[in-house]
Amino acid sequence: AEQAGYDAVELNLYPSGGTGLTMDTTA
């Protein structure tokens, strides 16, 4: 995203065990 010149990325919330942010993600 940085190399392509984006200002932002929208992340997604996934079920437990997914990639990135999940229902189990800690602070």
mmCIF file of all heavy atoms, coordinates in Angstrom:
data_MODEL
# 
_entry.id   MODEL 
# 
loop_
_atom_site.group_PDB 
_atom_site.id 
_atom_site.type_symbol 
_atom_site.label_atom_id 
_atom_site.label_alt_id 
_atom_site.label_comp_id 
_atom_site.label_asym_id 
_atom_site.label_entity_id 
_atom_site.label_seq_id 
_atom_site.pdbx_PDB_ins_code 
_atom_site.Cartn_x 
_atom_site.Cartn_y 
_atom_site.Cartn_z 
_atom_site.occupancy 
_atom_site.B_iso_or_equiv 
_atom_site.pdbx_formal_charge 
_atom_site.auth_seq_id 
_atom_site.auth_comp_id 
_atom_site.auth_asym_id 
_atom_site.auth_atom_id 
_atom_site.pdbx_PDB_model_num 
ATOM 1   N N   . ALA A 1 1  ? 0.831   -1.209  0.000  1.00 0.00 ? 1  ALA A N   1 
ATOM 2   C CA  . ALA A 1 1  ? 0.000   0.000   0.000  1.00 0.00 ? 1  ALA A CA  1 
ATOM 3   C C   . ALA A 1 1  ? 0.863   1.254   0.000  1.00 0.00 ? 1  ALA A C   1 
ATOM 4   O O   . ALA A 1 1  ? 0.576   2.226   -0.721 1.00 0.00 ? 1  ALA A O   1 
ATOM 5   C CB  . ALA A 1 1  ? -0.938  -0.011  1.201  1.00 0.00 ? 1  ALA A CB  1 
ATOM 6   N N   . GLU A 1 2  ? 1.916   1.226   0.795  1.00 0.00 ? 2  GLU A N   1 
ATOM 7   C CA  . GLU A 1 2  ? 2.831   2.373   0.827  1.00 0.00 ? 2  GLU A CA  1 
ATOM 8   C C   . GLU A 1 2  ? 3.504   2.570   -0.523 1.00 0.00 ? 2  GLU A C   1 
ATOM 9   O O   . GLU A 1 2  ? 3.555   3.698   -1.061 1.00 0.00 ? 2  GLU A O   1 
ATOM 10  C CB  . GLU A 1 2  ? 3.884   2.161   1.911  1.00 0.00 ? 2  GLU A CB  1 
ATOM 11  C CG  . GLU A 1 2  ? 4.901   3.289   2.005  1.00 0.00 ? 2  GLU A CG  1 
ATOM 12  C CD  . GLU A 1 2  ? 6.000   3.002   3.012  1.00 0.00 ? 2  GLU A CD  1 
ATOM 13  O OE1 . GLU A 1 2  ? 6.316   1.802   3.227  1.00 0.00 ? 2  GLU A OE1 1 
ATOM 14  O OE2 . GLU A 1 2  ? 6.556   3.962   3.565  1.00 0.00 ? 2  GLU A OE2 1 
ATOM 15  N N   . GLN A 1 3  ? 4.009   1.489   -1.101 1.00 0.00 ? 3  GLN A N   1 
ATOM 16  C CA  . GLN A 1 3  ? 4.712   1.591   -2.378 1.00 0.00 ? 3  GLN A CA  1 
ATOM 17  C C   . GLN A 1 3  ? 3.783   2.042   -3.499 1.00 0.00 ? 3  GLN A C   1 
ATOM 18  O O   . GLN A 1 3  ? 4.211   2.707   -4.439 1.00 0.00 ? 3  GLN A O   1 
ATOM 19  C CB  . GLN A 1 3  ? 5.342   0.241   -2.727 1.00 0.00 ? 3  GLN A CB  1 
ATOM 20  C CG  . GLN A 1 3  ? 6.504   -0.146  -1.814 1.00 0.00 ? 3  GLN A CG  1 
ATOM 21  C CD  . GLN A 1 3  ? 7.085   -1.507  -2.127 1.00 0.00 ? 3  GLN A CD  1 
ATOM 22  O OE1 . GLN A 1 3  ? 6.466   -2.327  -2.818 1.00 0.00 ? 3  GLN A OE1 1 
ATOM 23  N NE2 . GLN A 1 3  ? 8.280   -1.785  -1.616 1.00 0.00 ? 3  GLN A NE2 1 
ATOM 24  N N   . ALA A 1 4  ? 2.494   1.677   -3.398 1.00 0.00 ? 4  ALA A N   1 
ATOM 25  C CA  . ALA A 1 4  ? 1.533   2.044   -4.434 1.00 0.00 ? 4  ALA A CA  1 
ATOM 26  C C   . ALA A 1 4  ? 0.976   3.454   -4.245 1.00 0.00 ? 4  ALA A C   1 
ATOM 27  O O   . ALA A 1 4  ? 0.231   3.938   -5.102 1.00 0.00 ? 4  ALA A O   1 
ATOM 28  C CB  . ALA A 1 4  ? 0.377   1.036   -4.458 1.00 0.00 ? 4  ALA A CB  1 
ATOM 29  N N   . GLY A 1 5  ? 1.320   4.097   -3.146 1.00 0.00 ? 5  GLY A N   1 
ATOM 30  C CA  . GLY A 1 5  ? 0.910   5.487   -2.949 1.00 0.00 ? 5  GLY A CA  1 
ATOM 31  C C   . GLY A 1 5  ? -0.417  5.695   -2.245 1.00 0.00 ? 5  GLY A C   1 
ATOM 32  O O   . GLY A 1 5  ? -1.016  6.770   -2.354 1.00 0.00 ? 5  GLY A O   1 
ATOM 33  N N   . TYR A 1 6  ? -0.880  4.705   -1.489 1.00 0.00 ? 6  TYR A N   1 
ATOM 34  C CA  . TYR A 1 6  ? -2.122  4.869   -0.741 1.00 0.00 ? 6  TYR A CA  1 
ATOM 35  C C   . TYR A 1 6  ? -1.877  5.661   0.544  1.00 0.00 ? 6  TYR A C   1 
ATOM 36  O O   . TYR A 1 6  ? -0.784  5.620   1.128  1.00 0.00 ? 6  TYR A O   1 
ATOM 37  C CB  . TYR A 1 6  ? -2.724  3.505   -0.372 1.00 0.00 ? 6  TYR A CB  1 
ATOM 38  C CG  . TYR A 1 6  ? -3.299  2.762   -1.547 1.00 0.00 ? 6  TYR A CG  1 
ATOM 39  C CD1 . TYR A 1 6  ? -2.513  1.867   -2.271 1.00 0.00 ? 6  TYR A CD1 1 
ATOM 40  C CD2 . TYR A 1 6  ? -4.616  2.958   -1.941 1.00 0.00 ? 6  TYR A CD2 1 
ATOM 41  C CE1 . TYR A 1 6  ? -3.031  1.179   -3.364 1.00 0.00 ? 6  TYR A CE1 1 
ATOM 42  C CE2 . TYR A 1 6  ? -5.148  2.269   -3.025 1.00 0.00 ? 6  TYR A CE2 1 
ATOM 43  C CZ  . TYR A 1 6  ? -4.351  1.391   -3.730 1.00 0.00 ? 6  TYR A CZ  1 
ATOM 44  O OH  . TYR A 1 6  ? -4.870  0.717   -4.810 1.00 0.00 ? 6  TYR A OH  1 
ATOM 45  N N   . ASP A 1 7  ? -2.929  6.363   0.965  1.00 0.00 ? 7  ASP A N   1 
ATOM 46  C CA  . ASP A 1 7  ? -2.882  7.061   2.244  1.00 0.00 ? 7  ASP A CA  1 
ATOM 47  C C   . ASP A 1 7  ? -3.329  6.155   3.384  1.00 0.00 ? 7  ASP A C   1 
ATOM 48  O O   . ASP A 1 7  ? -2.906  6.340   4.529  1.00 0.00 ? 7  ASP A O   1 
ATOM 49  C CB  . ASP A 1 7  ? -3.809  8.288   2.219  1.00 0.00 ? 7  ASP A CB  1 
ATOM 50  C CG  . ASP A 1 7  ? -3.457  9.253   1.101  1.00 0.00 ? 7  ASP A CG  1 
ATOM 51  O OD1 . ASP A 1 7  ? -2.342  9.792   1.131  1.00 0.00 ? 7  ASP A OD1 1 
ATOM 52  O OD2 . ASP A 1 7  ? -4.296  9.451   0.195  1.00 0.00 ? 7  ASP A OD2 1 
ATOM 53  N N   . ALA A 1 8  ? -4.219  5.218   3.087  1.00 0.00 ? 8  ALA A N   1 
ATOM 54  C CA  . ALA A 1 8  ? -4.839  4.419   4.147  1.00 0.00 ? 8  ALA A CA  1 
ATOM 55  C C   . ALA A 1 8  ? -5.135  3.010   3.656  1.00 0.00 ? 8  ALA A C   1 
ATOM 56  O O   . ALA A 1 8  ? -5.224  2.754   2.450  1.00 0.00 ? 8  ALA A O   1 
ATOM 57  C CB  . ALA A 1 8  ? -6.134  5.084   4.624  1.00 0.00 ? 8  ALA A CB  1 
ATOM 58  N N   . VAL A 1 9  ? -5.305  2.107   4.611  1.00 0.00 ? 9  VAL A N   1 
ATOM 59  C CA  . VAL A 1 9  ? -5.773  0.747   4.357  1.00 0.00 ? 9  VAL A CA  1 
ATOM 60  C C   . VAL A 1 9  ? -6.956  0.494   5.280  1.00 0.00 ? 9  VAL A C   1 
ATOM 61  O O   . VAL A 1 9  ? -6.921  0.855   6.458  1.00 0.00 ? 9  VAL A O   1 
ATOM 62  C CB  . VAL A 1 9  ? -4.666  -0.297  4.625  1.00 0.00 ? 9  VAL A CB  1 
ATOM 63  C CG1 . VAL A 1 9  ? -5.251  -1.718  4.665  1.00 0.00 ? 9  VAL A CG1 1 
ATOM 64  C CG2 . VAL A 1 9  ? -3.576  -0.216  3.566  1.00 0.00 ? 9  VAL A CG2 1 
ATOM 65  N N   . GLU A 1 10 ? -8.015  -0.099  4.728  1.00 0.00 ? 10 GLU A N   1 
ATOM 66  C CA  . GLU A 1 10 ? -9.154  -0.500  5.549  1.00 0.00 ? 10 GLU A CA  1 
ATOM 67  C C   . GLU A 1 10 ? -9.003  -1.973  5.910  1.00 0.00 ? 10 GLU A C   1 
ATOM 68  O O   . GLU A 1 10 ? -9.006  -2.843  5.031  1.00 0.00 ? 10 GLU A O   1 
ATOM 69  C CB  . GLU A 1 10 ? -10.465 -0.293  4.789  1.00 0.00 ? 10 GLU A CB  1 
ATOM 70  C CG  . GLU A 1 10 ? -11.684 -0.675  5.619  1.00 0.00 ? 10 GLU A CG  1 
ATOM 71  C CD  . GLU A 1 10 ? -12.972 -0.318  4.921  1.00 0.00 ? 10 GLU A CD  1 
ATOM 72  O OE1 . GLU A 1 10 ? -13.341 -1.028  3.943  1.00 0.00 ? 10 GLU A OE1 1 
ATOM 73  O OE2 . GLU A 1 10 ? -13.599 0.688   5.314  1.00 0.00 ? 10 GLU A OE2 1 
ATOM 74  N N   . LEU A 1 11 ? -8.849  -2.233  7.193  1.00 0.00 ? 11 LEU A N   1 
ATOM 75  C CA  . LEU A 1 11 ? -8.742  -3.609  7.665  1.00 0.00 ? 11 LEU A CA  1 
ATOM 76  C C   . LEU A 1 11 ? -10.126 -4.193  7.905  1.00 0.00 ? 11 LEU A C   1 
ATOM 77  O O   . LEU A 1 11 ? -11.122 -3.474  7.978  1.00 0.00 ? 11 LEU A O   1 
ATOM 78  C CB  . LEU A 1 11 ? -7.913  -3.653  8.953  1.00 0.00 ? 11 LEU A CB  1 
ATOM 79  C CG  . LEU A 1 11 ? -6.458  -3.195  8.825  1.00 0.00 ? 11 LEU A CG  1 
ATOM 80  C CD1 . LEU A 1 11 ? -5.765  -3.241  10.183 1.00 0.00 ? 11 LEU A CD1 1 
ATOM 81  C CD2 . LEU A 1 11 ? -5.709  -4.027  7.798  1.00 0.00 ? 11 LEU A CD2 1 
ATOM 82  N N   . ASN A 1 12 ? -10.174 -5.525  8.025  1.00 0.00 ? 12 ASN A N   1 
ATOM 83  C CA  . ASN A 1 12 ? -11.428 -6.238  8.263  1.00 0.00 ? 12 ASN A CA  1 
ATOM 84  C C   . ASN A 1 12 ? -11.325 -7.004  9.571  1.00 0.00 ? 12 ASN A C   1 
ATOM 85  O O   . ASN A 1 12 ? -10.247 -7.446  9.975  1.00 0.00 ? 12 ASN A O   1 
ATOM 86  C CB  . ASN A 1 12 ? -11.714 -7.220  7.123  1.00 0.00 ? 12 ASN A CB  1 
ATOM 87  C CG  . ASN A 1 12 ? -11.807 -6.526  5.786  1.00 0.00 ? 12 ASN A CG  1 
ATOM 88  O OD1 . ASN A 1 12 ? -12.478 -5.515  5.643  1.00 0.00 ? 12 ASN A OD1 1 
ATOM 89  N ND2 . ASN A 1 12 ? -11.105 -7.052  4.787  1.00 0.00 ? 12 ASN A ND2 1 
ATOM 90  N N   . LEU A 1 13 ? -12.465 -7.201  10.206 1.00 0.00 ? 13 LEU A N   1 
ATOM 91  C CA  . LEU A 1 13 ? -12.539 -8.036  11.396 1.00 0.00 ? 13 LEU A CA  1 
ATOM 92  C C   . LEU A 1 13 ? -12.933 -9.445  10.979 1.00 0.00 ? 13 LEU A C   1 
ATOM 93  O O   . LEU A 1 13 ? -13.925 -9.637  10.267 1.00 0.00 ? 13 LEU A O   1 
ATOM 94  C CB  . LEU A 1 13 ? -13.569 -7.473  12.374 1.00 0.00 ? 13 LEU A CB  1 
ATOM 95  C CG  . LEU A 1 13 ? -13.768 -8.286  13.669 1.00 0.00 ? 13 LEU A CG  1 
ATOM 96  C CD1 . LEU A 1 13 ? -12.506 -8.272  14.515 1.00 0.00 ? 13 LEU A CD1 1 
ATOM 97  C CD2 . LEU A 1 13 ? -14.961 -7.754  14.451 1.00 0.00 ? 13 LEU A CD2 1 
ATOM 98  N N   . TYR A 1 14 ? -12.158 -10.432 11.426 1.00 0.00 ? 14 TYR A N   1 
ATOM 99  C CA  . TYR A 1 14 ? -12.381 -11.820 11.071 1.00 0.00 ? 14 TYR A CA  1 
ATOM 100 C C   . TYR A 1 14 ? -12.738 -12.643 12.312 1.00 0.00 ? 14 TYR A C   1 
ATOM 101 O O   . TYR A 1 14 ? -12.511 -12.201 13.448 1.00 0.00 ? 14 TYR A O   1 
ATOM 102 C CB  . TYR A 1 14 ? -11.119 -12.401 10.430 1.00 0.00 ? 14 TYR A CB  1 
ATOM 103 C CG  . TYR A 1 14 ? -10.758 -11.777 9.104  1.00 0.00 ? 14 TYR A CG  1 
ATOM 104 C CD1 . TYR A 1 14 ? -9.822  -10.753 9.032  1.00 0.00 ? 14 TYR A CD1 1 
ATOM 105 C CD2 . TYR A 1 14 ? -11.370 -12.208 7.925  1.00 0.00 ? 14 TYR A CD2 1 
ATOM 106 C CE1 . TYR A 1 14 ? -9.495  -10.170 7.808  1.00 0.00 ? 14 TYR A CE1 1 
ATOM 107 C CE2 . TYR A 1 14 ? -11.041 -11.635 6.698  1.00 0.00 ? 14 TYR A CE2 1 
ATOM 108 C CZ  . TYR A 1 14 ? -10.110 -10.619 6.648  1.00 0.00 ? 14 TYR A CZ  1 
ATOM 109 O OH  . TYR A 1 14 ? -9.794  -10.043 5.441  1.00 0.00 ? 14 TYR A OH  1 
ATOM 110 N N   . PRO A 1 15 ? -13.281 -13.849 12.103 1.00 0.00 ? 15 PRO A N   1 
ATOM 111 C CA  . PRO A 1 15 ? -13.515 -14.730 13.255 1.00 0.00 ? 15 PRO A CA  1 
ATOM 112 C C   . PRO A 1 15 ? -12.203 -15.100 13.931 1.00 0.00 ? 15 PRO A C   1 
ATOM 113 O O   . PRO A 1 15 ? -11.114 -14.824 13.421 1.00 0.00 ? 15 PRO A O   1 
ATOM 114 C CB  . PRO A 1 15 ? -14.186 -15.963 12.626 1.00 0.00 ? 15 PRO A CB  1 
ATOM 115 C CG  . PRO A 1 15 ? -14.671 -15.518 11.295 1.00 0.00 ? 15 PRO A CG  1 
ATOM 116 C CD  . PRO A 1 15 ? -13.737 -14.449 10.842 1.00 0.00 ? 15 PRO A CD  1 
ATOM 117 N N   . SER A 1 16 ? -12.297 -15.738 15.048 1.00 0.00 ? 16 SER A N   1 
ATOM 118 C CA  . SER A 1 16 ? -11.102 -16.187 15.763 1.00 0.00 ? 16 SER A CA  1 
ATOM 119 C C   . SER A 1 16 ? -10.240 -17.053 14.852 1.00 0.00 ? 16 SER A C   1 
ATOM 120 O O   . SER A 1 16 ? -10.746 -17.891 14.107 1.00 0.00 ? 16 SER A O   1 
ATOM 121 C CB  . SER A 1 16 ? -11.501 -16.997 17.001 1.00 0.00 ? 16 SER A CB  1 
ATOM 122 O OG  . SER A 1 16 ? -12.314 -16.216 17.852 1.00 0.00 ? 16 SER A OG  1 
ATOM 123 N N   . GLY A 1 17 ? -8.943  -16.806 14.875 1.00 0.00 ? 17 GLY A N   1 
ATOM 124 C CA  . GLY A 1 17 ? -8.019  -17.602 14.085 1.00 0.00 ? 17 GLY A CA  1 
ATOM 125 C C   . GLY A 1 17 ? -7.744  -17.057 12.702 1.00 0.00 ? 17 GLY A C   1 
ATOM 126 O O   . GLY A 1 17 ? -6.956  -17.627 11.963 1.00 0.00 ? 17 GLY A O   1 
ATOM 127 N N   . GLY A 1 18 ? -8.376  -15.934 12.330 1.00 0.00 ? 18 GLY A N   1 
ATOM 128 C CA  . GLY A 1 18 ? -8.147  -15.350 11.012 1.00 0.00 ? 18 GLY A CA  1 
ATOM 129 C C   . GLY A 1 18 ? -6.856  -14.559 10.960 1.00 0.00 ? 18 GLY A C   1 
ATOM 130 O O   . GLY A 1 18 ? -6.118  -14.451 11.947 1.00 0.00 ? 18 GLY A O   1 
ATOM 131 N N   . THR A 1 19 ? -6.571  -13.981 9.787  1.00 0.00 ? 19 THR A N   1 
ATOM 132 C CA  . THR A 1 19 ? -5.374  -13.172 9.593  1.00 0.00 ? 19 THR A CA  1 
ATOM 133 C C   . THR A 1 19 ? -5.682  -11.722 9.912  1.00 0.00 ? 19 THR A C   1 
ATOM 134 O O   . THR A 1 19 ? -6.662  -11.171 9.424  1.00 0.00 ? 19 THR A O   1 
ATOM 135 C CB  . THR A 1 19 ? -4.870  -13.281 8.143  1.00 0.00 ? 19 THR A CB  1 
ATOM 136 O OG1 . THR A 1 19 ? -4.569  -14.642 7.856  1.00 0.00 ? 19 THR A OG1 1 
ATOM 137 C CG2 . THR A 1 19 ? -3.614  -12.443 7.941  1.00 0.00 ? 19 THR A CG2 1 
ATOM 138 N N   . GLY A 1 20 ? -4.842  -11.098 10.725 1.00 0.00 ? 20 GLY A N   1 
ATOM 139 C CA  . GLY A 1 20 ? -5.058  -9.694  11.041 1.00 0.00 ? 20 GLY A CA  1 
ATOM 140 C C   . GLY A 1 20 ? -5.914  -9.539  12.283 1.00 0.00 ? 20 GLY A C   1 
ATOM 141 O O   . GLY A 1 20 ? -5.707  -10.205 13.301 1.00 0.00 ? 20 GLY A O   1 
ATOM 142 N N   . LEU A 1 21 ? -6.909  -8.654  12.232 1.00 0.00 ? 21 LEU A N   1 
ATOM 143 C CA  . LEU A 1 21 ? -7.761  -8.381  13.381 1.00 0.00 ? 21 LEU A CA  1 
ATOM 144 C C   . LEU A 1 21 ? -8.859  -9.440  13.484 1.00 0.00 ? 21 LEU A C   1 
ATOM 145 O O   . LEU A 1 21 ? -9.552  -9.719  12.505 1.00 0.00 ? 21 LEU A O   1 
ATOM 146 C CB  . LEU A 1 21 ? -8.391  -6.998  13.256 1.00 0.00 ? 21 LEU A CB  1 
ATOM 147 C CG  . LEU A 1 21 ? -7.420  -5.820  13.177 1.00 0.00 ? 21 LEU A CG  1 
ATOM 148 C CD1 . LEU A 1 21 ? -8.191  -4.521  12.974 1.00 0.00 ? 21 LEU A CD1 1 
ATOM 149 C CD2 . LEU A 1 21 ? -6.556  -5.734  14.433 1.00 0.00 ? 21 LEU A CD2 1 
ATOM 150 N N   . THR A 1 22 ? -9.015  -9.998  14.666 1.00 0.00 ? 22 THR A N   1 
ATOM 151 C CA  . THR A 1 22 ? -10.020 -11.037 14.876 1.00 0.00 ? 22 THR A CA  1 
ATOM 152 C C   . THR A 1 22 ? -10.800 -10.724 16.146 1.00 0.00 ? 22 THR A C   1 
ATOM 153 O O   . THR A 1 22 ? -10.485 -9.794  16.900 1.00 0.00 ? 22 THR A O   1 
ATOM 154 C CB  . THR A 1 22 ? -9.387  -12.429 15.003 1.00 0.00 ? 22 THR A CB  1 
ATOM 155 O OG1 . THR A 1 22 ? -8.770  -12.544 16.299 1.00 0.00 ? 22 THR A OG1 1 
ATOM 156 C CG2 . THR A 1 22 ? -8.347  -12.667 13.911 1.00 0.00 ? 22 THR A CG2 1 
ATOM 157 N N   . MET A 1 23 ? -11.805 -11.546 16.400 1.00 0.00 ? 23 MET A N   1 
ATOM 158 C CA  . MET A 1 23 ? -12.593 -11.384 17.612 1.00 0.00 ? 23 MET A CA  1 
ATOM 159 C C   . MET A 1 23 ? -11.731 -11.569 18.864 1.00 0.00 ? 23 MET A C   1 
ATOM 160 O O   . MET A 1 23 ? -12.118 -11.129 19.950 1.00 0.00 ? 23 MET A O   1 
ATOM 161 C CB  . MET A 1 23 ? -13.753 -12.382 17.618 1.00 0.00 ? 23 MET A CB  1 
ATOM 162 C CG  . MET A 1 23 ? -14.786 -12.153 16.523 1.00 0.00 ? 23 MET A CG  1 
ATOM 163 S SD  . MET A 1 23 ? -15.724 -10.619 16.733 1.00 0.00 ? 23 MET A SD  1 
ATOM 164 C CE  . MET A 1 23 ? -16.784 -11.045 18.127 1.00 0.00 ? 23 MET A CE  1 
ATOM 165 N N   . ASP A 1 24 ? -10.565 -12.195 18.722 1.00 0.00 ? 24 ASP A N   1 
ATOM 166 C CA  . ASP A 1 24 ? -9.692  -12.461 19.868 1.00 0.00 ? 24 ASP A CA  1 
ATOM 167 C C   . ASP A 1 24 ? -8.507  -11.510 19.976 1.00 0.00 ? 24 ASP A C   1 
ATOM 168 O O   . ASP A 1 24 ? -7.666  -11.653 20.874 1.00 0.00 ? 24 ASP A O   1 
ATOM 169 C CB  . ASP A 1 24 ? -9.154  -13.898 19.802 1.00 0.00 ? 24 ASP A CB  1 
ATOM 170 C CG  . ASP A 1 24 ? -10.259 -14.935 19.926 1.00 0.00 ? 24 ASP A CG  1 
ATOM 171 O OD1 . ASP A 1 24 ? -11.261 -14.638 20.601 1.00 0.00 ? 24 ASP A OD1 1 
ATOM 172 O OD2 . ASP A 1 24 ? -10.114 -16.017 19.342 1.00 0.00 ? 24 ASP A OD2 1 
ATOM 173 N N   . THR A 1 25 ? -8.401  -10.546 19.078 1.00 0.00 ? 25 THR A N   1 
ATOM 174 C CA  . THR A 1 25 ? -7.260  -9.629  19.098 1.00 0.00 ? 25 THR A CA  1 
ATOM 175 C C   . THR A 1 25 ? -7.211  -8.862  20.416 1.00 0.00 ? 25 THR A C   1 
ATOM 176 O O   . THR A 1 25 ? -8.211  -8.289  20.854 1.00 0.00 ? 25 THR A O   1 
ATOM 177 C CB  . THR A 1 25 ? -7.345  -8.637  17.926 1.00 0.00 ? 25 THR A CB  1 
ATOM 178 O OG1 . THR A 1 25 ? -7.243  -9.358  16.694 1.00 0.00 ? 25 THR A OG1 1 
ATOM 179 C CG2 . THR A 1 25 ? -6.219  -7.609  17.992 1.00 0.00 ? 25 THR A CG2 1 
ATOM 180 N N   . THR A 1 26 ? -6.050  -8.844  21.045 1.00 0.00 ? 26 THR A N   1 
ATOM 181 C CA  . THR A 1 26 ? -5.881  -8.145  22.314 1.00 0.00 ? 26 THR A CA  1 
ATOM 182 C C   . THR A 1 26 ? -5.530  -6.679  22.065 1.00 0.00 ? 26 THR A C   1 
ATOM 183 O O   . THR A 1 26 ? -5.156  -6.282  20.951 1.00 0.00 ? 26 THR A O   1 
ATOM 184 C CB  . THR A 1 26 ? -4.769  -8.788  23.138 1.00 0.00 ? 26 THR A CB  1 
ATOM 185 O OG1 . THR A 1 26 ? -3.511  -8.605  22.451 1.00 0.00 ? 26 THR A OG1 1 
ATOM 186 C CG2 . THR A 1 26 ? -5.017  -10.272 23.338 1.00 0.00 ? 26 THR A CG2 1 
ATOM 187 N N   . ALA A 1 27 ? -5.614  -5.888  23.123 1.00 0.00 ? 27 ALA A N   1 
ATOM 188 C CA  . ALA A 1 27 ? -5.250  -4.474  23.018 1.00 0.00 ? 27 ALA A CA  1 
ATOM 189 C C   . ALA A 1 27 ? -3.782  -4.335  22.623 1.00 0.00 ? 27 ALA A C   1 
ATOM 190 O O   . ALA A 1 27 ? -3.426  -3.477  21.801 1.00 0.00 ? 27 ALA A O   1 
ATOM 191 C CB  . ALA A 1 27 ? -5.522  -3.771  24.342 1.00 0.00 ? 27 ALA A CB  1 
# 
